[in-house]
mmCIF file of all heavy atoms, coordinates in Angstrom:
data_MODEL
# 
_entry.id   MODEL 
# 
loop_
_atom_site.group_PDB 
_atom_site.id 
_atom_site.type_symbol 
_atom_site.label_atom_id 
_atom_site.label_alt_id 
_atom_site.label_comp_id 
_atom_site.label_asym_id 
_atom_site.label_entity_id 
_atom_site.label_seq_id 
_atom_site.pdbx_PDB_ins_code 
_atom_site.Cartn_x 
_atom_site.Cartn_y 
_atom_site.Cartn_z 
_atom_site.occupancy 
_atom_site.B_iso_or_equiv 
_atom_site.pdbx_formal_charge 
_atom_site.auth_seq_id 
_atom_site.auth_comp_id 
_atom_site.auth_asym_id 
_atom_site.auth_atom_id 
_atom_site.pdbx_PDB_model_num 
ATOM 1   N N   . LEU A 1 1  ? -14.904 3.283   10.648 1.00 0.00 ? 1  LEU A N   1 
ATOM 2   C CA  . LEU A 1 1  ? -13.497 3.331   10.431 1.00 0.00 ? 1  LEU A CA  1 
ATOM 3   C C   . LEU A 1 1  ? -13.047 4.286   9.284  1.00 0.00 ? 1  LEU A C   1 
ATOM 4   O O   . LEU A 1 1  ? -12.060 5.048   9.400  1.00 0.00 ? 1  LEU A O   1 
ATOM 5   C CB  . LEU A 1 1  ? -12.963 1.913   10.163 1.00 0.00 ? 1  LEU A CB  1 
ATOM 6   C CG  . LEU A 1 1  ? -11.416 1.799   10.007 1.00 0.00 ? 1  LEU A CG  1 
ATOM 7   C CD1 . LEU A 1 1  ? -10.692 2.275   11.212 1.00 0.00 ? 1  LEU A CD1 1 
ATOM 8   C CD2 . LEU A 1 1  ? -11.035 0.302   9.783  1.00 0.00 ? 1  LEU A CD2 1 
ATOM 9   N N   . ILE A 1 2  ? -13.792 4.238   8.216  1.00 0.00 ? 2  ILE A N   1 
ATOM 10  C CA  . ILE A 1 2  ? -13.510 5.141   7.089  1.00 0.00 ? 2  ILE A CA  1 
ATOM 11  C C   . ILE A 1 2  ? -13.728 6.616   7.486  1.00 0.00 ? 2  ILE A C   1 
ATOM 12  O O   . ILE A 1 2  ? -12.972 7.479   7.099  1.00 0.00 ? 2  ILE A O   1 
ATOM 13  C CB  . ILE A 1 2  ? -14.376 4.714   5.849  1.00 0.00 ? 2  ILE A CB  1 
ATOM 14  C CG1 . ILE A 1 2  ? -13.809 3.351   5.300  1.00 0.00 ? 2  ILE A CG1 1 
ATOM 15  C CG2 . ILE A 1 2  ? -14.326 5.799   4.794  1.00 0.00 ? 2  ILE A CG2 1 
ATOM 16  C CD1 . ILE A 1 2  ? -14.787 2.681   4.363  1.00 0.00 ? 2  ILE A CD1 1 
ATOM 17  N N   . LYS A 1 3  ? -14.794 6.816   8.276  1.00 0.00 ? 3  LYS A N   1 
ATOM 18  C CA  . LYS A 1 3  ? -15.003 8.209   8.741  1.00 0.00 ? 3  LYS A CA  1 
ATOM 19  C C   . LYS A 1 3  ? -13.862 8.666   9.586  1.00 0.00 ? 3  LYS A C   1 
ATOM 20  O O   . LYS A 1 3  ? -13.378 9.783   9.515  1.00 0.00 ? 3  LYS A O   1 
ATOM 21  C CB  . LYS A 1 3  ? -16.307 8.271   9.541  1.00 0.00 ? 3  LYS A CB  1 
ATOM 22  C CG  . LYS A 1 3  ? -17.551 8.107   8.683  1.00 0.00 ? 3  LYS A CG  1 
ATOM 23  C CD  . LYS A 1 3  ? -18.781 8.116   9.577  1.00 0.00 ? 3  LYS A CD  1 
ATOM 24  C CE  . LYS A 1 3  ? -20.077 7.779   8.784  1.00 0.00 ? 3  LYS A CE  1 
ATOM 25  N NZ  . LYS A 1 3  ? -21.291 7.657   9.610  1.00 0.00 ? 3  LYS A NZ  1 
ATOM 26  N N   . ALA A 1 4  ? -13.386 7.748   10.532 1.00 0.00 ? 4  ALA A N   1 
ATOM 27  C CA  . ALA A 1 4  ? -12.333 8.117   11.400 1.00 0.00 ? 4  ALA A CA  1 
ATOM 28  C C   . ALA A 1 4  ? -11.028 8.376   10.576 1.00 0.00 ? 4  ALA A C   1 
ATOM 29  O O   . ALA A 1 4  ? -10.253 9.322   10.836 1.00 0.00 ? 4  ALA A O   1 
ATOM 30  C CB  . ALA A 1 4  ? -12.116 6.994   12.379 1.00 0.00 ? 4  ALA A CB  1 
ATOM 31  N N   . MET A 1 5  ? -10.796 7.598   9.521  1.00 0.00 ? 5  MET A N   1 
ATOM 32  C CA  . MET A 1 5  ? -9.659  7.810   8.647  1.00 0.00 ? 5  MET A CA  1 
ATOM 33  C C   . MET A 1 5  ? -9.696  9.148   7.974  1.00 0.00 ? 5  MET A C   1 
ATOM 34  O O   . MET A 1 5  ? -8.718  9.855   7.888  1.00 0.00 ? 5  MET A O   1 
ATOM 35  C CB  . MET A 1 5  ? -9.609  6.644   7.638  1.00 0.00 ? 5  MET A CB  1 
ATOM 36  C CG  . MET A 1 5  ? -8.436  6.616   6.800  1.00 0.00 ? 5  MET A CG  1 
ATOM 37  S SD  . MET A 1 5  ? -6.928  6.234   7.789  1.00 0.00 ? 5  MET A SD  1 
ATOM 38  C CE  . MET A 1 5  ? -5.686  6.366   6.531  1.00 0.00 ? 5  MET A CE  1 
ATOM 39  N N   . ASN A 1 6  ? -10.922 9.507   7.476  1.00 0.00 ? 6  ASN A N   1 
ATOM 40  C CA  . ASN A 1 6  ? -11.055 10.793  6.828  1.00 0.00 ? 6  ASN A CA  1 
ATOM 41  C C   . ASN A 1 6  ? -10.711 11.987  7.730  1.00 0.00 ? 6  ASN A C   1 
ATOM 42  O O   . ASN A 1 6  ? -10.153 12.963  7.345  1.00 0.00 ? 6  ASN A O   1 
ATOM 43  C CB  . ASN A 1 6  ? -12.530 10.931  6.364  1.00 0.00 ? 6  ASN A CB  1 
ATOM 44  C CG  . ASN A 1 6  ? -12.792 12.166  5.546  1.00 0.00 ? 6  ASN A CG  1 
ATOM 45  O OD1 . ASN A 1 6  ? -12.071 12.465  4.591  1.00 0.00 ? 6  ASN A OD1 1 
ATOM 46  N ND2 . ASN A 1 6  ? -13.846 12.895  5.869  1.00 0.00 ? 6  ASN A ND2 1 
ATOM 47  N N   . ILE A 1 7  ? -11.089 11.822  9.010  1.00 0.00 ? 7  ILE A N   1 
ATOM 48  C CA  . ILE A 1 7  ? -10.719 12.863  10.013 1.00 0.00 ? 7  ILE A CA  1 
ATOM 49  C C   . ILE A 1 7  ? -9.258  12.894  10.266 1.00 0.00 ? 7  ILE A C   1 
ATOM 50  O O   . ILE A 1 7  ? -8.637  13.931  10.304 1.00 0.00 ? 7  ILE A O   1 
ATOM 51  C CB  . ILE A 1 7  ? -11.591 12.658  11.295 1.00 0.00 ? 7  ILE A CB  1 
ATOM 52  C CG1 . ILE A 1 7  ? -13.054 12.756  11.033 1.00 0.00 ? 7  ILE A CG1 1 
ATOM 53  C CG2 . ILE A 1 7  ? -11.110 13.632  12.382 1.00 0.00 ? 7  ILE A CG2 1 
ATOM 54  C CD1 . ILE A 1 7  ? -13.975 12.260  12.138 1.00 0.00 ? 7  ILE A CD1 1 
ATOM 55  N N   . ALA A 1 8  ? -8.697  11.695  10.470 1.00 0.00 ? 8  ALA A N   1 
ATOM 56  C CA  . ALA A 1 8  ? -7.294  11.581  10.834 1.00 0.00 ? 8  ALA A CA  1 
ATOM 57  C C   . ALA A 1 8  ? -6.369  12.152  9.812  1.00 0.00 ? 8  ALA A C   1 
ATOM 58  O O   . ALA A 1 8  ? -5.319  12.749  10.100 1.00 0.00 ? 8  ALA A O   1 
ATOM 59  C CB  . ALA A 1 8  ? -6.928  10.079  11.127 1.00 0.00 ? 8  ALA A CB  1 
ATOM 60  N N   . ILE A 1 9  ? -6.683  11.912  8.527  1.00 0.00 ? 9  ILE A N   1 
ATOM 61  C CA  . ILE A 1 9  ? -5.751  12.368  7.488  1.00 0.00 ? 9  ILE A CA  1 
ATOM 62  C C   . ILE A 1 9  ? -5.718  13.853  7.269  1.00 0.00 ? 9  ILE A C   1 
ATOM 63  O O   . ILE A 1 9  ? -4.875  14.409  6.614  1.00 0.00 ? 9  ILE A O   1 
ATOM 64  C CB  . ILE A 1 9  ? -6.031  11.631  6.128  1.00 0.00 ? 9  ILE A CB  1 
ATOM 65  C CG1 . ILE A 1 9  ? -7.391  11.967  5.580  1.00 0.00 ? 9  ILE A CG1 1 
ATOM 66  C CG2 . ILE A 1 9  ? -5.769  10.150  6.275  1.00 0.00 ? 9  ILE A CG2 1 
ATOM 67  C CD1 . ILE A 1 9  ? -7.668  11.307  4.252  1.00 0.00 ? 9  ILE A CD1 1 
ATOM 68  N N   . LYS A 1 10 ? -6.679  14.553  7.846  1.00 0.00 ? 10 LYS A N   1 
ATOM 69  C CA  . LYS A 1 10 ? -6.728  16.025  7.786  1.00 0.00 ? 10 LYS A CA  1 
ATOM 70  C C   . LYS A 1 10 ? -5.451  16.598  8.578  1.00 0.00 ? 10 LYS A C   1 
ATOM 71  O O   . LYS A 1 10 ? -4.927  17.594  8.199  1.00 0.00 ? 10 LYS A O   1 
ATOM 72  C CB  . LYS A 1 10 ? -7.959  16.617  8.349  1.00 0.00 ? 10 LYS A CB  1 
ATOM 73  C CG  . LYS A 1 10 ? -9.171  16.393  7.390  1.00 0.00 ? 10 LYS A CG  1 
ATOM 74  C CD  . LYS A 1 10 ? -10.440 16.959  8.008  1.00 0.00 ? 10 LYS A CD  1 
ATOM 75  C CE  . LYS A 1 10 ? -11.563 16.983  6.935  1.00 0.00 ? 10 LYS A CE  1 
ATOM 76  N NZ  . LYS A 1 10 ? -11.881 15.676  6.380  1.00 0.00 ? 10 LYS A NZ  1 
ATOM 77  N N   . GLU A 1 11 ? -5.116  15.841  9.593  1.00 0.00 ? 11 GLU A N   1 
ATOM 78  C CA  . GLU A 1 11 ? -3.868  16.216  10.396 1.00 0.00 ? 11 GLU A CA  1 
ATOM 79  C C   . GLU A 1 11 ? -2.667  15.528  9.843  1.00 0.00 ? 11 GLU A C   1 
ATOM 80  O O   . GLU A 1 11 ? -1.524  16.053  9.909  1.00 0.00 ? 11 GLU A O   1 
ATOM 81  C CB  . GLU A 1 11 ? -4.106  15.881  11.870 1.00 0.00 ? 11 GLU A CB  1 
ATOM 82  C CG  . GLU A 1 11 ? -2.928  16.177  12.772 1.00 0.00 ? 11 GLU A CG  1 
ATOM 83  C CD  . GLU A 1 11 ? -3.125  15.729  14.172 1.00 0.00 ? 11 GLU A CD  1 
ATOM 84  O OE1 . GLU A 1 11 ? -4.311  15.812  14.674 1.00 0.00 ? 11 GLU A OE1 1 
ATOM 85  O OE2 . GLU A 1 11 ? -2.178  15.395  14.845 1.00 0.00 ? 11 GLU A OE2 1 
ATOM 86  N N   . ASN A 1 12 ? -2.889  14.318  9.299  1.00 0.00 ? 12 ASN A N   1 
ATOM 87  C CA  . ASN A 1 12 ? -1.792  13.476  8.821  1.00 0.00 ? 12 ASN A CA  1 
ATOM 88  C C   . ASN A 1 12 ? -2.086  12.964  7.386  1.00 0.00 ? 12 ASN A C   1 
ATOM 89  O O   . ASN A 1 12 ? -2.536  11.842  7.195  1.00 0.00 ? 12 ASN A O   1 
ATOM 90  C CB  . ASN A 1 12 ? -1.560  12.318  9.778  1.00 0.00 ? 12 ASN A CB  1 
ATOM 91  C CG  . ASN A 1 12 ? -0.406  11.390  9.394  1.00 0.00 ? 12 ASN A CG  1 
ATOM 92  O OD1 . ASN A 1 12 ? 0.307   11.662  8.407  1.00 0.00 ? 12 ASN A OD1 1 
ATOM 93  N ND2 . ASN A 1 12 ? -0.144  10.409  10.243 1.00 0.00 ? 12 ASN A ND2 1 
ATOM 94  N N   . PRO A 1 13 ? -1.825  13.810  6.363  1.00 0.00 ? 13 PRO A N   1 
ATOM 95  C CA  . PRO A 1 13 ? -2.288  13.507  5.020  1.00 0.00 ? 13 PRO A CA  1 
ATOM 96  C C   . PRO A 1 13 ? -1.717  12.277  4.348  1.00 0.00 ? 13 PRO A C   1 
ATOM 97  O O   . PRO A 1 13 ? -2.329  11.703  3.408  1.00 0.00 ? 13 PRO A O   1 
ATOM 98  C CB  . PRO A 1 13 ? -1.827  14.770  4.224  1.00 0.00 ? 13 PRO A CB  1 
ATOM 99  C CG  . PRO A 1 13 ? -1.670  15.858  5.225  1.00 0.00 ? 13 PRO A CG  1 
ATOM 100 C CD  . PRO A 1 13 ? -1.240  15.157  6.477  1.00 0.00 ? 13 PRO A CD  1 
ATOM 101 N N   . ASN A 1 14 ? -0.551  11.826  4.856  1.00 0.00 ? 14 ASN A N   1 
ATOM 102 C CA  . ASN A 1 14 ? 0.030   10.685  4.296  1.00 0.00 ? 14 ASN A CA  1 
ATOM 103 C C   . ASN A 1 14 ? -0.267  9.336   4.996  1.00 0.00 ? 14 ASN A C   1 
ATOM 104 O O   . ASN A 1 14 ? 0.254   8.272   4.663  1.00 0.00 ? 14 ASN A O   1 
ATOM 105 C CB  . ASN A 1 14 ? 1.586   10.819  4.245  1.00 0.00 ? 14 ASN A CB  1 
ATOM 106 C CG  . ASN A 1 14 ? 2.002   11.967  3.357  1.00 0.00 ? 14 ASN A CG  1 
ATOM 107 O OD1 . ASN A 1 14 ? 1.476   12.129  2.256  1.00 0.00 ? 14 ASN A OD1 1 
ATOM 108 N ND2 . ASN A 1 14 ? 2.975   12.742  3.799  1.00 0.00 ? 14 ASN A ND2 1 
ATOM 109 N N   . LEU A 1 15 ? -1.099  9.418   5.930  1.00 0.00 ? 15 LEU A N   1 
ATOM 110 C CA  . LEU A 1 15 ? -1.541  8.208   6.733  1.00 0.00 ? 15 LEU A CA  1 
ATOM 111 C C   . LEU A 1 15 ? -2.212  7.179   5.783  1.00 0.00 ? 15 LEU A C   1 
ATOM 112 O O   . LEU A 1 15 ? -3.056  7.559   4.948  1.00 0.00 ? 15 LEU A O   1 
ATOM 113 C CB  . LEU A 1 15 ? -2.493  8.618   7.847  1.00 0.00 ? 15 LEU A CB  1 
ATOM 114 C CG  . LEU A 1 15 ? -2.964  7.516   8.734  1.00 0.00 ? 15 LEU A CG  1 
ATOM 115 C CD1 . LEU A 1 15 ? -1.860  6.871   9.642  1.00 0.00 ? 15 LEU A CD1 1 
ATOM 116 C CD2 . LEU A 1 15 ? -4.108  8.013   9.656  1.00 0.00 ? 15 LEU A CD2 1 
ATOM 117 N N   . LYS A 1 16 ? -1.877  5.904   5.948  1.00 0.00 ? 16 LYS A N   1 
ATOM 118 C CA  . LYS A 1 16 ? -2.423  4.873   5.144  1.00 0.00 ? 16 LYS A CA  1 
ATOM 119 C C   . LYS A 1 16 ? -3.308  3.935   6.023  1.00 0.00 ? 16 LYS A C   1 
ATOM 120 O O   . LYS A 1 16 ? -2.975  3.680   7.191  1.00 0.00 ? 16 LYS A O   1 
ATOM 121 C CB  . LYS A 1 16 ? -1.380  4.012   4.450  1.00 0.00 ? 16 LYS A CB  1 
ATOM 122 C CG  . LYS A 1 16 ? -0.594  4.742   3.380  1.00 0.00 ? 16 LYS A CG  1 
ATOM 123 C CD  . LYS A 1 16 ? -1.377  4.775   2.117  1.00 0.00 ? 16 LYS A CD  1 
ATOM 124 C CE  . LYS A 1 16 ? -0.495  5.228   0.943  1.00 0.00 ? 16 LYS A CE  1 
ATOM 125 N NZ  . LYS A 1 16 ? -0.050  6.691   1.033  1.00 0.00 ? 16 LYS A NZ  1 
ATOM 126 N N   . LEU A 1 17 ? -4.405  3.420   5.467  1.00 0.00 ? 17 LEU A N   1 
ATOM 127 C CA  . LEU A 1 17 ? -5.226  2.374   6.099  1.00 0.00 ? 17 LEU A CA  1 
ATOM 128 C C   . LEU A 1 17 ? -5.227  1.189   5.106  1.00 0.00 ? 17 LEU A C   1 
ATOM 129 O O   . LEU A 1 17 ? -5.575  1.298   4.020  1.00 0.00 ? 17 LEU A O   1 
ATOM 130 C CB  . LEU A 1 17 ? -6.632  2.895   6.310  1.00 0.00 ? 17 LEU A CB  1 
ATOM 131 C CG  . LEU A 1 17 ? -7.671  1.796   6.658  1.00 0.00 ? 17 LEU A CG  1 
ATOM 132 C CD1 . LEU A 1 17 ? -7.338  1.113   7.944  1.00 0.00 ? 17 LEU A CD1 1 
ATOM 133 C CD2 . LEU A 1 17 ? -9.095  2.360   6.655  1.00 0.00 ? 17 LEU A CD2 1 
ATOM 134 N N   . TYR A 1 18 ? -4.841  0.015   5.708  1.00 0.00 ? 18 TYR A N   1 
ATOM 135 C CA  . TYR A 1 18 ? -4.930  -1.221  5.005  1.00 0.00 ? 18 TYR A CA  1 
ATOM 136 C C   . TYR A 1 18 ? -6.211  -1.898  5.496  1.00 0.00 ? 18 TYR A C   1 
ATOM 137 O O   . TYR A 1 18 ? -6.216  -2.307  6.654  1.00 0.00 ? 18 TYR A O   1 
ATOM 138 C CB  . TYR A 1 18 ? -3.719  -2.119  5.242  1.00 0.00 ? 18 TYR A CB  1 
ATOM 139 C CG  . TYR A 1 18 ? -2.398  -1.524  4.753  1.00 0.00 ? 18 TYR A CG  1 
ATOM 140 C CD1 . TYR A 1 18 ? -1.375  -1.279  5.704  1.00 0.00 ? 18 TYR A CD1 1 
ATOM 141 C CD2 . TYR A 1 18 ? -2.208  -1.138  3.455  1.00 0.00 ? 18 TYR A CD2 1 
ATOM 142 C CE1 . TYR A 1 18 ? -0.192  -0.658  5.325  1.00 0.00 ? 18 TYR A CE1 1 
ATOM 143 C CE2 . TYR A 1 18 ? -0.995  -0.563  3.029  1.00 0.00 ? 18 TYR A CE2 1 
ATOM 144 C CZ  . TYR A 1 18 ? 0.018   -0.347  3.978  1.00 0.00 ? 18 TYR A CZ  1 
ATOM 145 O OH  . TYR A 1 18 ? 1.164   0.248   3.569  1.00 0.00 ? 18 TYR A OH  1 
ATOM 146 N N   . LEU A 1 19 ? -7.247  -2.030  4.657  1.00 0.00 ? 19 LEU A N   1 
ATOM 147 C CA  . LEU A 1 19 ? -8.494  -2.626  5.054  1.00 0.00 ? 19 LEU A CA  1 
ATOM 148 C C   . LEU A 1 19 ? -8.582  -3.966  4.309  1.00 0.00 ? 19 LEU A C   1 
ATOM 149 O O   . LEU A 1 19 ? -8.911  -4.007  3.111  1.00 0.00 ? 19 LEU A O   1 
ATOM 150 C CB  . LEU A 1 19 ? -9.671  -1.680  4.685  1.00 0.00 ? 19 LEU A CB  1 
ATOM 151 C CG  . LEU A 1 19 ? -11.048 -2.169  5.089  1.00 0.00 ? 19 LEU A CG  1 
ATOM 152 C CD1 . LEU A 1 19 ? -11.179 -2.588  6.520  1.00 0.00 ? 19 LEU A CD1 1 
ATOM 153 C CD2 . LEU A 1 19 ? -12.105 -1.124  4.729  1.00 0.00 ? 19 LEU A CD2 1 
ATOM 154 N N   . LEU A 1 20 ? -8.315  -5.045  5.029  1.00 0.00 ? 20 LEU A N   1 
ATOM 155 C CA  . LEU A 1 20 ? -8.144  -6.359  4.385  1.00 0.00 ? 20 LEU A CA  1 
ATOM 156 C C   . LEU A 1 20 ? -9.444  -7.168  4.659  1.00 0.00 ? 20 LEU A C   1 
ATOM 157 O O   . LEU A 1 20 ? -9.967  -7.209  5.798  1.00 0.00 ? 20 LEU A O   1 
ATOM 158 C CB  . LEU A 1 20 ? -6.950  -7.125  5.080  1.00 0.00 ? 20 LEU A CB  1 
ATOM 159 C CG  . LEU A 1 20 ? -5.556  -6.796  4.520  1.00 0.00 ? 20 LEU A CG  1 
ATOM 160 C CD1 . LEU A 1 20 ? -5.260  -5.310  4.530  1.00 0.00 ? 20 LEU A CD1 1 
ATOM 161 C CD2 . LEU A 1 20 ? -4.545  -7.547  5.291  1.00 0.00 ? 20 LEU A CD2 1 
ATOM 162 N N   . GLY A 1 21 ? -9.874  -7.839  3.594  1.00 0.00 ? 21 GLY A N   1 
ATOM 163 C CA  . GLY A 1 21 ? -11.041 -8.776  3.692  1.00 0.00 ? 21 GLY A CA  1 
ATOM 164 C C   . GLY A 1 21 ? -12.030 -8.514  2.555  1.00 0.00 ? 21 GLY A C   1 
ATOM 165 O O   . GLY A 1 21 ? -11.863 -7.622  1.691  1.00 0.00 ? 21 GLY A O   1 
ATOM 166 N N   . ASP A 1 22 ? -13.038 -9.349  2.544  1.00 0.00 ? 22 ASP A N   1 
ATOM 167 C CA  . ASP A 1 22 ? -14.083 -9.236  1.454  1.00 0.00 ? 22 ASP A CA  1 
ATOM 168 C C   . ASP A 1 22 ? -15.362 -9.483  2.117  1.00 0.00 ? 22 ASP A C   1 
ATOM 169 O O   . ASP A 1 22 ? -15.501 -9.967  3.258  1.00 0.00 ? 22 ASP A O   1 
ATOM 170 C CB  . ASP A 1 22 ? -13.820 -10.300 0.388  1.00 0.00 ? 22 ASP A CB  1 
ATOM 171 C CG  . ASP A 1 22 ? -14.322 -9.839  -0.976 1.00 0.00 ? 22 ASP A CG  1 
ATOM 172 O OD1 . ASP A 1 22 ? -15.133 -8.864  -0.956 1.00 0.00 ? 22 ASP A OD1 1 
ATOM 173 O OD2 . ASP A 1 22 ? -13.905 -10.379 -2.034 1.00 0.00 ? 22 ASP A OD2 1 
ATOM 174 N N   . GLY A 1 23 ? -16.454 -9.248  1.412  1.00 0.00 ? 23 GLY A N   1 
ATOM 175 C CA  . GLY A 1 23 ? -17.796 -9.430  1.941  1.00 0.00 ? 23 GLY A CA  1 
ATOM 176 C C   . GLY A 1 23 ? -18.814 -8.550  1.325  1.00 0.00 ? 23 GLY A C   1 
ATOM 177 O O   . GLY A 1 23 ? -18.560 -7.726  0.341  1.00 0.00 ? 23 GLY A O   1 
ATOM 178 N N   . PRO A 1 24 ? -20.032 -8.589  1.857  1.00 0.00 ? 24 PRO A N   1 
ATOM 179 C CA  . PRO A 1 24 ? -21.191 -7.904  1.167  1.00 0.00 ? 24 PRO A CA  1 
ATOM 180 C C   . PRO A 1 24 ? -21.100 -6.364  1.125  1.00 0.00 ? 24 PRO A C   1 
ATOM 181 O O   . PRO A 1 24 ? -21.777 -5.779  0.286  1.00 0.00 ? 24 PRO A O   1 
ATOM 182 C CB  . PRO A 1 24 ? -22.412 -8.363  1.991  1.00 0.00 ? 24 PRO A CB  1 
ATOM 183 C CG  . PRO A 1 24 ? -21.850 -8.848  3.327  1.00 0.00 ? 24 PRO A CG  1 
ATOM 184 C CD  . PRO A 1 24 ? -20.457 -9.363  2.965  1.00 0.00 ? 24 PRO A CD  1 
ATOM 185 N N   . GLU A 1 25 ? -20.320 -5.765  2.019  1.00 0.00 ? 25 GLU A N   1 
ATOM 186 C CA  . GLU A 1 25 ? -20.216 -4.328  2.055  1.00 0.00 ? 25 GLU A CA  1 
ATOM 187 C C   . GLU A 1 25 ? -19.075 -3.778  1.240  1.00 0.00 ? 25 GLU A C   1 
ATOM 188 O O   . GLU A 1 25 ? -18.786 -2.511  1.242  1.00 0.00 ? 25 GLU A O   1 
ATOM 189 C CB  . GLU A 1 25 ? -20.159 -3.841  3.453  1.00 0.00 ? 25 GLU A CB  1 
ATOM 190 C CG  . GLU A 1 25 ? -21.437 -3.830  4.204  1.00 0.00 ? 25 GLU A CG  1 
ATOM 191 C CD  . GLU A 1 25 ? -21.527 -2.771  5.275  1.00 0.00 ? 25 GLU A CD  1 
ATOM 192 O OE1 . GLU A 1 25 ? -20.550 -2.548  5.996  1.00 0.00 ? 25 GLU A OE1 1 
ATOM 193 O OE2 . GLU A 1 25 ? -22.548 -2.055  5.342  1.00 0.00 ? 25 GLU A OE2 1 
ATOM 194 N N   . ARG A 1 26 ? -18.408 -4.629  0.461  1.00 0.00 ? 26 ARG A N   1 
ATOM 195 C CA  . ARG A 1 26 ? -17.161 -4.173  -0.196 1.00 0.00 ? 26 ARG A CA  1 
ATOM 196 C C   . ARG A 1 26 ? -17.480 -2.946  -1.118 1.00 0.00 ? 26 ARG A C   1 
ATOM 197 O O   . ARG A 1 26 ? -16.785 -1.907  -1.068 1.00 0.00 ? 26 ARG A O   1 
ATOM 198 C CB  . ARG A 1 26 ? -16.564 -5.301  -1.009 1.00 0.00 ? 26 ARG A CB  1 
ATOM 199 C CG  . ARG A 1 26 ? -15.288 -4.908  -1.757 1.00 0.00 ? 26 ARG A CG  1 
ATOM 200 C CD  . ARG A 1 26 ? -14.650 -6.079  -2.449 1.00 0.00 ? 26 ARG A CD  1 
ATOM 201 N NE  . ARG A 1 26 ? -13.413 -5.614  -3.111 1.00 0.00 ? 26 ARG A NE  1 
ATOM 202 C CZ  . ARG A 1 26 ? -12.248 -5.442  -2.547 1.00 0.00 ? 26 ARG A CZ  1 
ATOM 203 N NH1 . ARG A 1 26 ? -12.078 -5.710  -1.204 1.00 0.00 ? 26 ARG A NH1 1 
ATOM 204 N NH2 . ARG A 1 26 ? -11.156 -5.077  -3.219 1.00 0.00 ? 26 ARG A NH2 1 
ATOM 205 N N   . GLU A 1 27 ? -18.491 -3.046  -2.000 1.00 0.00 ? 27 GLU A N   1 
ATOM 206 C CA  . GLU A 1 27 ? -18.734 -1.988  -2.964 1.00 0.00 ? 27 GLU A CA  1 
ATOM 207 C C   . GLU A 1 27 ? -19.258 -0.708  -2.225 1.00 0.00 ? 27 GLU A C   1 
ATOM 208 O O   . GLU A 1 27 ? -18.900 0.420   -2.634 1.00 0.00 ? 27 GLU A O   1 
ATOM 209 C CB  . GLU A 1 27 ? -19.769 -2.442  -3.968 1.00 0.00 ? 27 GLU A CB  1 
ATOM 210 C CG  . GLU A 1 27 ? -19.212 -3.527  -4.931 1.00 0.00 ? 27 GLU A CG  1 
ATOM 211 C CD  . GLU A 1 27 ? -17.895 -3.101  -5.575 1.00 0.00 ? 27 GLU A CD  1 
ATOM 212 O OE1 . GLU A 1 27 ? -17.807 -1.914  -6.054 1.00 0.00 ? 27 GLU A OE1 1 
ATOM 213 O OE2 . GLU A 1 27 ? -16.978 -3.971  -5.616 1.00 0.00 ? 27 GLU A OE2 1 
# 
């Protein structure tokens, strides 16, 4: 999802992603 976001914002620099939650992969 983060990779997809990185690609998407190249066309839409102001796009926001709200990633809600916690867990072992947070850091």
